[in-house]
Amino acid sequence: MTSECIVLAGGLGTRLRSVVADKPKCMAPLGNYPFLYYLLHYLHKQGITHAVLSLGYLSEQVISWCNSIDLPLRVSFTVEPEPLGTGGGIIHALPALTGNEVFIVNGDTYFDVDLPAFYQFHQAHQSPLSLALKPMQQFDRYGSIQLDNGPHITAFKEKQFCEEGLINGGIYLTTADYLKSLSLPEKFSFEKEVLEPQVAAGALYGFVSDTYFIDIGIPEDYEAAKQRLAFSQ
């Protein structure tokens, strides 16, 4: 299994400003540690040995914290010269990798996926780009994802109320070579300019994982994460 991961942690976190006003989202405090602490420890437990943090807003806080404590894995940093979007942040981080295969995770989401099993799925289907999908019930905050009778992703649905469905859990597995082959601009949305065109090409595979998932992007879920993750270590 590849042991490298890009962590997207450069966003402005505007929806969380009412409760975390002076920090990037990944540094939102949960108990004695920032959210990033729990995310990096999860990655380490799953076999990741090198995490590349793709940073932007208040990047100096993240770098200073990482350099101040002992972390269980090697951490590198790339800092966007200006906001590059979710896709631009990924491309900007690629030169910091030592290999080709890479996991990509959102720096404000904790999704307890079995990464070795996800990797085996990805390899078995010879997938150029795989997504970890979370089954959800009664939701309207996320768009839903449709699969065929197998693991092929066939559509991304707009946000609307769903009794049940699958959502994009924000964990991807791909290669640097594949991303470079797409001839992407410097600034772009990964969702709009990679995922949507590639689903039309039949290139995306979905790995379903009904495990713990929390996105701290809004105050209510940030509070839920404090109750769950802060007592898990």
C-alpha atoms as a PDB file:
ATOM      1  CA  MET A   1       0.000   0.000   0.000  1.00  0.00           C
ATOM      2  CA  THR A   2       1.143   3.520  -0.654  1.00  0.00           C
ATOM      3  CA  SER A   3       2.162   5.269   2.557  1.00  0.00           C
ATOM      4  CA  GLU A   4       1.772   8.892   1.402  1.00  0.00           C
ATOM      5  CA  CYS A   5      -1.181  11.223   1.809  1.00  0.00           C
ATOM      6  CA  ILE A   6      -2.001  14.811   0.876  1.00  0.00           C
ATOM      7  CA  VAL A   7      -4.086  16.610   3.509  1.00  0.00           C
ATOM      8  CA  LEU A   8      -6.083  19.549   2.107  1.00  0.00           C
ATOM      9  CA  ALA A   9      -5.944  22.144   4.868  1.00  0.00           C
ATOM     10  CA  GLY A  10      -5.806  25.498   3.096  1.00  0.00           C
ATOM     11  CA  GLY A  11      -9.446  26.595   3.184  1.00  0.00           C
ATOM     12  CA  LEU A  12     -10.789  29.765   4.803  1.00  0.00           C
ATOM     13  CA  GLY A  13     -13.335  27.991   6.993  1.00  0.00           C
ATOM     14  CA  THR A  14     -15.883  30.781   6.741  1.00  0.00           C
ATOM     15  CA  ARG A  15     -18.818  28.677   8.035  1.00  0.00           C
ATOM     16  CA  LEU A  16     -16.909  27.879  11.238  1.00  0.00           C
ATOM     17  CA  ARG A  17     -15.812  31.455  12.012  1.00  0.00           C
ATOM     18  CA  SER A  18     -18.596  32.000  14.534  1.00  0.00           C
ATOM     19  CA  VAL A  19     -16.980  29.480  16.902  1.00  0.00           C
ATOM     20  CA  VAL A  20     -13.360  29.296  15.667  1.00  0.00           C
ATOM     21  CA  ALA A  21     -12.540  32.814  14.555  1.00  0.00           C
ATOM     22  CA  ASP A  22      -8.757  32.971  14.596  1.00  0.00           C
ATOM     23  CA  LYS A  23      -7.603  29.567  13.364  1.00  0.00           C
ATOM     24  CA  PRO A  24      -7.662  27.495  10.187  1.00  0.00           C
ATOM     25  CA  LYS A  25     -10.277  24.727  10.363  1.00  0.00           C
ATOM     26  CA  CYS A  26      -7.750  21.937  10.854  1.00  0.00           C
ATOM     27  CA  MET A  27      -6.542  23.729  14.006  1.00  0.00           C
ATOM     28  CA  ALA A  28      -9.998  23.936  15.593  1.00  0.00           C
ATOM     29  CA  PRO A  29      -9.513  22.758  19.199  1.00  0.00           C
ATOM     30  CA  LEU A  30     -11.017  19.471  20.364  1.00  0.00           C
ATOM     31  CA  GLY A  31     -10.116  18.926  23.976  1.00  0.00           C
ATOM     32  CA  ASN A  32      -6.368  19.322  24.424  1.00  0.00           C
ATOM     33  CA  TYR A  33      -5.507  19.043  20.740  1.00  0.00           C
ATOM     34  CA  PRO A  34      -6.475  20.548  17.382  1.00  0.00           C
ATOM     35  CA  PHE A  35      -8.552  18.541  14.922  1.00  0.00           C
ATOM     36  CA  LEU A  36      -5.408  17.903  12.847  1.00  0.00           C
ATOM     37  CA  TYR A  37      -3.918  15.883  15.722  1.00  0.00           C
ATOM     38  CA  TYR A  38      -6.709  13.311  15.504  1.00  0.00           C
ATOM     39  CA  LEU A  39      -6.549  13.223  11.704  1.00  0.00           C
ATOM     40  CA  LEU A  40      -2.785  12.622  11.621  1.00  0.00           C
ATOM     41  CA  HIS A  41      -3.030   9.892  14.263  1.00  0.00           C
ATOM     42  CA  TYR A  42      -5.778   8.211  12.225  1.00  0.00           C
ATOM     43  CA  LEU A  43      -3.559   8.305   9.127  1.00  0.00           C
ATOM     44  CA  HIS A  44      -0.639   6.836  11.077  1.00  0.00           C
ATOM     45  CA  LYS A  45      -2.789   3.977  12.388  1.00  0.00           C
ATOM     46  CA  GLN A  46      -3.839   3.229   8.810  1.00  0.00           C
ATOM     47  CA  GLY A  47      -0.248   2.891   7.593  1.00  0.00           C
ATOM     48  CA  ILE A  48       0.545   6.389   6.347  1.00  0.00           C
ATOM     49  CA  THR A  49       4.140   7.403   7.067  1.00  0.00           C
ATOM     50  CA  HIS A  50       4.320  10.709   5.145  1.00  0.00           C
ATOM     51  CA  ALA A  51       1.618  13.383   5.142  1.00  0.00           C
ATOM     52  CA  VAL A  52       1.921  16.445   2.908  1.00  0.00           C
ATOM     53  CA  LEU A  53      -0.139  19.295   4.338  1.00  0.00           C
ATOM     54  CA  SER A  54      -1.461  21.564   1.580  1.00  0.00           C
ATOM     55  CA  LEU A  55      -1.845  24.879   3.407  1.00  0.00           C
ATOM     56  CA  GLY A  56      -3.035  28.396   2.725  1.00  0.00           C
ATOM     57  CA  TYR A  57      -5.027  30.454   5.234  1.00  0.00           C
ATOM     58  CA  LEU A  58      -3.049  30.995   8.473  1.00  0.00           C
ATOM     59  CA  SER A  59      -0.544  28.351   7.386  1.00  0.00           C
ATOM     60  CA  GLU A  60       2.016  29.580   9.913  1.00  0.00           C
ATOM     61  CA  GLN A  61      -0.182  28.339  12.773  1.00  0.00           C
ATOM     62  CA  VAL A  62      -0.252  24.828  11.350  1.00  0.00           C
ATOM     63  CA  ILE A  63       3.477  24.724  10.667  1.00  0.00           C
ATOM     64  CA  SER A  64       4.345  26.099  14.104  1.00  0.00           C
ATOM     65  CA  TRP A  65       2.126  23.543  15.870  1.00  0.00           C
ATOM     66  CA  CYS A  66       3.485  20.608  13.853  1.00  0.00           C
ATOM     67  CA  ASN A  67       7.046  21.667  14.615  1.00  0.00           C
ATOM     68  CA  SER A  68       6.299  21.989  18.327  1.00  0.00           C
ATOM     69  CA  ILE A  69       5.245  18.401  19.057  1.00  0.00           C
ATOM     70  CA  ASP A  70       6.259  14.844  18.305  1.00  0.00           C
ATOM     71  CA  LEU A  71       4.045  13.450  15.550  1.00  0.00           C
ATOM     72  CA  PRO A  72       3.802   9.739  14.686  1.00  0.00           C
ATOM     73  CA  LEU A  73       4.597  10.288  10.994  1.00  0.00           C
ATOM     74  CA  ARG A  74       6.679  12.540   8.777  1.00  0.00           C
ATOM     75  CA  VAL A  75       4.962  15.783   7.833  1.00  0.00           C
ATOM     76  CA  SER A  76       5.830  18.082   4.921  1.00  0.00           C
ATOM     77  CA  PHE A  77       4.252  21.417   4.049  1.00  0.00           C
ATOM     78  CA  THR A  78       3.273  23.197   0.867  1.00  0.00           C
ATOM     79  CA  VAL A  79       1.777  26.685   1.095  1.00  0.00           C
ATOM     80  CA  GLU A  80      -0.395  28.146  -1.646  1.00  0.00           C
ATOM     81  CA  PRO A  81       0.865  31.570  -2.803  1.00  0.00           C
ATOM     82  CA  GLU A  82      -2.829  32.496  -3.212  1.00  0.00           C
ATOM     83  CA  PRO A  83      -6.076  30.500  -2.929  1.00  0.00           C
ATOM     84  CA  LEU A  84      -5.888  27.792  -5.606  1.00  0.00           C
ATOM     85  CA  GLY A  85      -9.121  25.893  -4.927  1.00  0.00           C
ATOM     86  CA  THR A  86      -9.376  22.281  -3.800  1.00  0.00           C
ATOM     87  CA  GLY A  87      -7.830  21.036  -7.029  1.00  0.00           C
ATOM     88  CA  GLY A  88      -5.054  23.589  -7.203  1.00  0.00           C
ATOM     89  CA  GLY A  89      -4.074  22.748  -3.645  1.00  0.00           C
ATOM     90  CA  ILE A  90      -3.617  19.105  -4.646  1.00  0.00           C
ATOM     91  CA  ILE A  91      -1.528  19.861  -7.728  1.00  0.00           C
ATOM     92  CA  HIS A  92       0.602  22.317  -5.756  1.00  0.00           C
ATOM     93  CA  ALA A  93       1.375  19.564  -3.227  1.00  0.00           C
ATOM     94  CA  LEU A  94       2.403  16.859  -5.723  1.00  0.00           C
ATOM     95  CA  PRO A  95       6.119  17.841  -5.898  1.00  0.00           C
ATOM     96  CA  ALA A  96       6.439  17.136  -2.163  1.00  0.00           C
ATOM     97  CA  LEU A  97       5.587  13.451  -2.680  1.00  0.00           C
ATOM     98  CA  THR A  98       8.334  10.860  -2.944  1.00  0.00           C
ATOM     99  CA  GLY A  99       6.215   8.367  -4.923  1.00  0.00           C
ATOM    100  CA  ASN A 100       3.401   8.261  -7.461  1.00  0.00           C
ATOM    101  CA  GLU A 101       0.415   6.739  -5.657  1.00  0.00           C
ATOM    102  CA  VAL A 102      -1.258   8.958  -3.087  1.00  0.00           C
ATOM    103  CA  PHE A 103      -4.246   9.176  -0.779  1.00  0.00           C
ATOM    104  CA  ILE A 104      -5.909  12.586  -0.552  1.00  0.00           C
ATOM    105  CA  VAL A 105      -8.002  13.605   2.459  1.00  0.00           C
ATOM    106  CA  ASN A 106      -9.851  16.733   3.516  1.00  0.00           C
ATOM    107  CA  GLY A 107      -8.284  18.483   6.481  1.00  0.00           C
ATOM    108  CA  ASP A 108     -11.664  19.195   8.064  1.00  0.00           C
ATOM    109  CA  THR A 109     -13.131  15.682   7.777  1.00  0.00           C
ATOM    110  CA  TYR A 110     -12.574  12.544   9.854  1.00  0.00           C
ATOM    111  CA  PHE A 111     -13.734   9.410   8.027  1.00  0.00           C
ATOM    112  CA  ASP A 112     -12.602   6.171   9.657  1.00  0.00           C
ATOM    113  CA  VAL A 113     -11.971   4.273   6.423  1.00  0.00           C
ATOM    114  CA  ASP A 114      -9.839   1.113   6.370  1.00  0.00           C
ATOM    115  CA  LEU A 115      -7.179   2.504   4.037  1.00  0.00           C
ATOM    116  CA  PRO A 116      -5.477  -0.853   3.283  1.00  0.00           C
ATOM    117  CA  ALA A 117      -8.854  -2.315   2.251  1.00  0.00           C
ATOM    118  CA  PHE A 118      -9.557   0.811   0.179  1.00  0.00           C
ATOM    119  CA  TYR A 119      -6.165   0.387  -1.507  1.00  0.00           C
ATOM    120  CA  GLN A 120      -6.857  -3.282  -2.312  1.00  0.00           C
ATOM    121  CA  PHE A 121     -10.203  -2.284  -3.843  1.00  0.00           C
ATOM    122  CA  HIS A 122      -8.499   0.409  -5.918  1.00  0.00           C
ATOM    123  CA  GLN A 123      -5.868  -2.040  -7.187  1.00  0.00           C
ATOM    124  CA  ALA A 124      -8.349  -4.823  -7.897  1.00  0.00           C
ATOM    125  CA  HIS A 125     -10.401  -2.563 -10.172  1.00  0.00           C
ATOM    126  CA  GLN A 126      -7.339  -0.915 -11.752  1.00  0.00           C
ATOM    127  CA  SER A 127      -9.021   2.371 -10.991  1.00  0.00           C
ATOM    128  CA  PRO A 128      -7.380   5.667 -11.995  1.00  0.00           C
ATOM    129  CA  LEU A 129      -9.268   7.494  -9.242  1.00  0.00           C
ATOM    130  CA  SER A 130     -11.271   6.004  -6.367  1.00  0.00           C
ATOM    131  CA  LEU A 131     -13.487   7.733  -3.804  1.00  0.00           C
ATOM    132  CA  ALA A 132     -14.450   6.550  -0.332  1.00  0.00           C
ATOM    133  CA  LEU A 133     -18.238   6.832   0.031  1.00  0.00           C
ATOM    134  CA  LYS A 134     -20.250   7.111   3.233  1.00  0.00           C
ATOM    135  CA  PRO A 135     -23.846   5.803   3.488  1.00  0.00           C
ATOM    136  CA  MET A 136     -26.076   8.451   5.081  1.00  0.00           C
ATOM    137  CA  GLN A 137     -29.714   8.741   6.130  1.00  0.00           C
ATOM    138  CA  GLN A 138     -31.963  11.798   6.037  1.00  0.00           C
ATOM    139  CA  PHE A 139     -29.487  14.390   4.830  1.00  0.00           C
ATOM    140  CA  ASP A 140     -29.534  17.553   2.755  1.00  0.00           C
ATOM    141  CA  ARG A 141     -26.134  19.072   3.490  1.00  0.00           C
ATOM    142  CA  TYR A 142     -24.323  16.910   0.934  1.00  0.00           C
ATOM    143  CA  GLY A 143     -24.856  15.938  -2.664  1.00  0.00           C
ATOM    144  CA  SER A 144     -25.400  12.227  -3.253  1.00  0.00           C
ATOM    145  CA  ILE A 145     -23.507   9.767  -5.427  1.00  0.00           C
ATOM    146  CA  GLN A 146     -25.010   7.085  -7.630  1.00  0.00           C
ATOM    147  CA  LEU A 147     -23.359   3.746  -8.403  1.00  0.00           C
ATOM    148  CA  ASP A 148     -24.223   1.210 -11.085  1.00  0.00           C
ATOM    149  CA  ASN A 149     -24.754  -2.397  -9.996  1.00  0.00           C
ATOM    150  CA  GLY A 150     -21.046  -2.517  -9.250  1.00  0.00           C
ATOM    151  CA  PRO A 151     -18.474  -0.006  -7.989  1.00  0.00           C
ATOM    152  CA  HIS A 152     -18.600   2.424 -10.948  1.00  0.00           C
ATOM    153  CA  ILE A 153     -19.749   5.909  -9.999  1.00  0.00           C
ATOM    154  CA  THR A 154     -22.356   6.972 -12.568  1.00  0.00           C
ATOM    155  CA  ALA A 155     -23.568  10.354 -11.287  1.00  0.00           C
ATOM    156  CA  PHE A 156     -23.150  13.132  -8.766  1.00  0.00           C
ATOM    157  CA  LYS A 157     -26.492  14.508  -7.609  1.00  0.00           C
ATOM    158  CA  GLU A 158     -27.018  18.078  -6.415  1.00  0.00           C
ATOM    159  CA  LYS A 159     -27.702  18.800  -2.749  1.00  0.00           C
ATOM    160  CA  GLN A 160     -31.294  18.007  -1.850  1.00  0.00           C
ATOM    161  CA  PHE A 161     -33.046  16.112   0.909  1.00  0.00           C
ATOM    162  CA  CYS A 162     -32.444  12.350   0.677  1.00  0.00           C
ATOM    163  CA  GLU A 163     -33.925   9.675   2.885  1.00  0.00           C
ATOM    164  CA  GLU A 164     -30.796   7.637   2.294  1.00  0.00           C
ATOM    165  CA  GLY A 165     -27.870   7.569  -0.081  1.00  0.00           C
ATOM    166  CA  LEU A 166     -24.123   7.704  -0.519  1.00  0.00           C
ATOM    167  CA  ILE A 167     -22.010  10.837  -0.123  1.00  0.00           C
ATOM    168  CA  ASN A 168     -18.460  11.698  -1.054  1.00  0.00           C
ATOM    169  CA  GLY A 169     -16.523  11.123   2.181  1.00  0.00           C
ATOM    170  CA  GLY A 170     -13.573  13.255   1.095  1.00  0.00           C
ATOM    171  CA  ILE A 171     -10.948  10.494   0.828  1.00  0.00           C
ATOM    172  CA  TYR A 172      -9.457   9.765  -2.593  1.00  0.00           C
ATOM    173  CA  LEU A 173      -6.846   7.411  -4.006  1.00  0.00           C
ATOM    174  CA  THR A 174      -5.060   8.139  -7.266  1.00  0.00           C
ATOM    175  CA  THR A 175      -1.624   8.810  -8.751  1.00  0.00           C
ATOM    176  CA  ALA A 176       0.313  11.968  -9.424  1.00  0.00           C
ATOM    177  CA  ASP A 177       0.784  10.818 -13.022  1.00  0.00           C
ATOM    178  CA  TYR A 178      -2.963  10.525 -13.547  1.00  0.00           C
ATOM    179  CA  LEU A 179      -3.644  14.008 -12.185  1.00  0.00           C
ATOM    180  CA  LYS A 180      -0.853  15.499 -14.299  1.00  0.00           C
ATOM    181  CA  SER A 181      -2.265  13.819 -17.409  1.00  0.00           C
ATOM    182  CA  LEU A 182      -5.499  15.805 -17.114  1.00  0.00           C
ATOM    183  CA  SER A 183      -3.830  19.118 -18.099  1.00  0.00           C
ATOM    184  CA  LEU A 184      -5.504  21.066 -15.309  1.00  0.00           C
ATOM    185  CA  PRO A 185      -5.229  24.832 -14.686  1.00  0.00           C
ATOM    186  CA  GLU A 186      -3.384  26.307 -11.716  1.00  0.00           C
ATOM    187  CA  LYS A 187      -6.597  27.244  -9.889  1.00  0.00           C
ATOM    188  CA  PHE A 188      -9.562  24.907 -10.015  1.00  0.00           C
ATOM    189  CA  SER A 189     -12.164  22.946  -8.095  1.00  0.00           C
ATOM    190  CA  PHE A 190     -11.328  19.254  -7.786  1.00  0.00           C
ATOM    191  CA  GLU A 191     -15.023  18.424  -7.635  1.00  0.00           C
ATOM    192  CA  LYS A 192     -16.065  20.440 -10.690  1.00  0.00           C
ATOM    193  CA  GLU A 193     -13.058  20.013 -12.957  1.00  0.00           C
ATOM    194  CA  VAL A 194     -11.904  16.484 -12.122  1.00  0.00           C
ATOM    195  CA  LEU A 195     -14.669  14.441 -10.516  1.00  0.00           C
ATOM    196  CA  GLU A 196     -17.582  15.552 -12.681  1.00  0.00           C
ATOM    197  CA  PRO A 197     -15.810  15.169 -16.072  1.00  0.00           C
ATOM    198  CA  GLN A 198     -14.221  11.878 -15.052  1.00  0.00           C
ATOM    199  CA  VAL A 199     -17.499  10.327 -13.932  1.00  0.00           C
ATOM    200  CA  ALA A 200     -18.827  11.023 -17.423  1.00  0.00           C
ATOM    201  CA  ALA A 201     -15.809   9.152 -18.783  1.00  0.00           C
ATOM    202  CA  GLY A 202     -16.537   6.155 -16.529  1.00  0.00           C
ATOM    203  CA  ALA A 203     -13.220   6.529 -14.732  1.00  0.00           C
ATOM    204  CA  LEU A 204     -14.360   6.778 -11.098  1.00  0.00           C
ATOM    205  CA  TYR A 205     -14.872   3.964  -8.619  1.00  0.00           C
ATOM    206  CA  GLY A 206     -16.607   4.152  -5.245  1.00  0.00           C
ATOM    207  CA  PHE A 207     -15.520   2.272  -2.125  1.00  0.00           C
ATOM    208  CA  VAL A 208     -18.384   2.178   0.371  1.00  0.00           C
ATOM    209  CA  SER A 209     -17.423   2.404   4.049  1.00  0.00           C
ATOM    210  CA  ASP A 210     -20.121   2.610   6.704  1.00  0.00           C
ATOM    211  CA  THR A 211     -17.756   3.825   9.420  1.00  0.00           C
ATOM    212  CA  TYR A 212     -17.551   6.922  11.614  1.00  0.00           C
ATOM    213  CA  PHE A 213     -17.701  10.163   9.626  1.00  0.00           C
ATOM    214  CA  ILE A 214     -17.684  13.786  10.752  1.00  0.00           C
ATOM    215  CA  ASP A 215     -17.112  17.019   8.816  1.00  0.00           C
ATOM    216  CA  ILE A 216     -16.355  19.917  11.178  1.00  0.00           C
ATOM    217  CA  GLY A 217     -17.182  22.589   8.599  1.00  0.00           C
ATOM    218  CA  ILE A 218     -20.260  23.811  10.458  1.00  0.00           C
ATOM    219  CA  PRO A 219     -20.626  24.591  14.199  1.00  0.00           C
ATOM    220  CA  GLU A 220     -23.083  21.775  14.946  1.00  0.00           C
ATOM    221  CA  ASP A 221     -20.809  19.067  13.588  1.00  0.00           C
ATOM    222  CA  TYR A 222     -17.761  20.682  15.164  1.00  0.00           C
ATOM    223  CA  GLU A 223     -19.516  20.315  18.534  1.00  0.00           C
ATOM    224  CA  ALA A 224     -20.324  16.667  17.730  1.00  0.00           C
ATOM    225  CA  ALA A 225     -16.665  16.037  16.863  1.00  0.00           C
ATOM    226  CA  LYS A 226     -15.563  17.503  20.190  1.00  0.00           C
ATOM    227  CA  GLN A 227     -17.775  15.035  22.008  1.00  0.00           C
ATOM    228  CA  ARG A 228     -16.523  12.020  20.003  1.00  0.00           C
ATOM    229  CA  LEU A 229     -12.903  12.608  19.038  1.00  0.00           C
ATOM    230  CA  ALA A 230     -11.660  14.502  22.081  1.00  0.00           C
ATOM    231  CA  PHE A 231     -12.330  11.409  24.221  1.00  0.00           C
ATOM    232  CA  SER A 232     -11.006   8.866  21.720  1.00  0.00           C
ATOM    233  CA  GLN A 233      -7.298   9.267  22.411  1.00  0.00           C
END
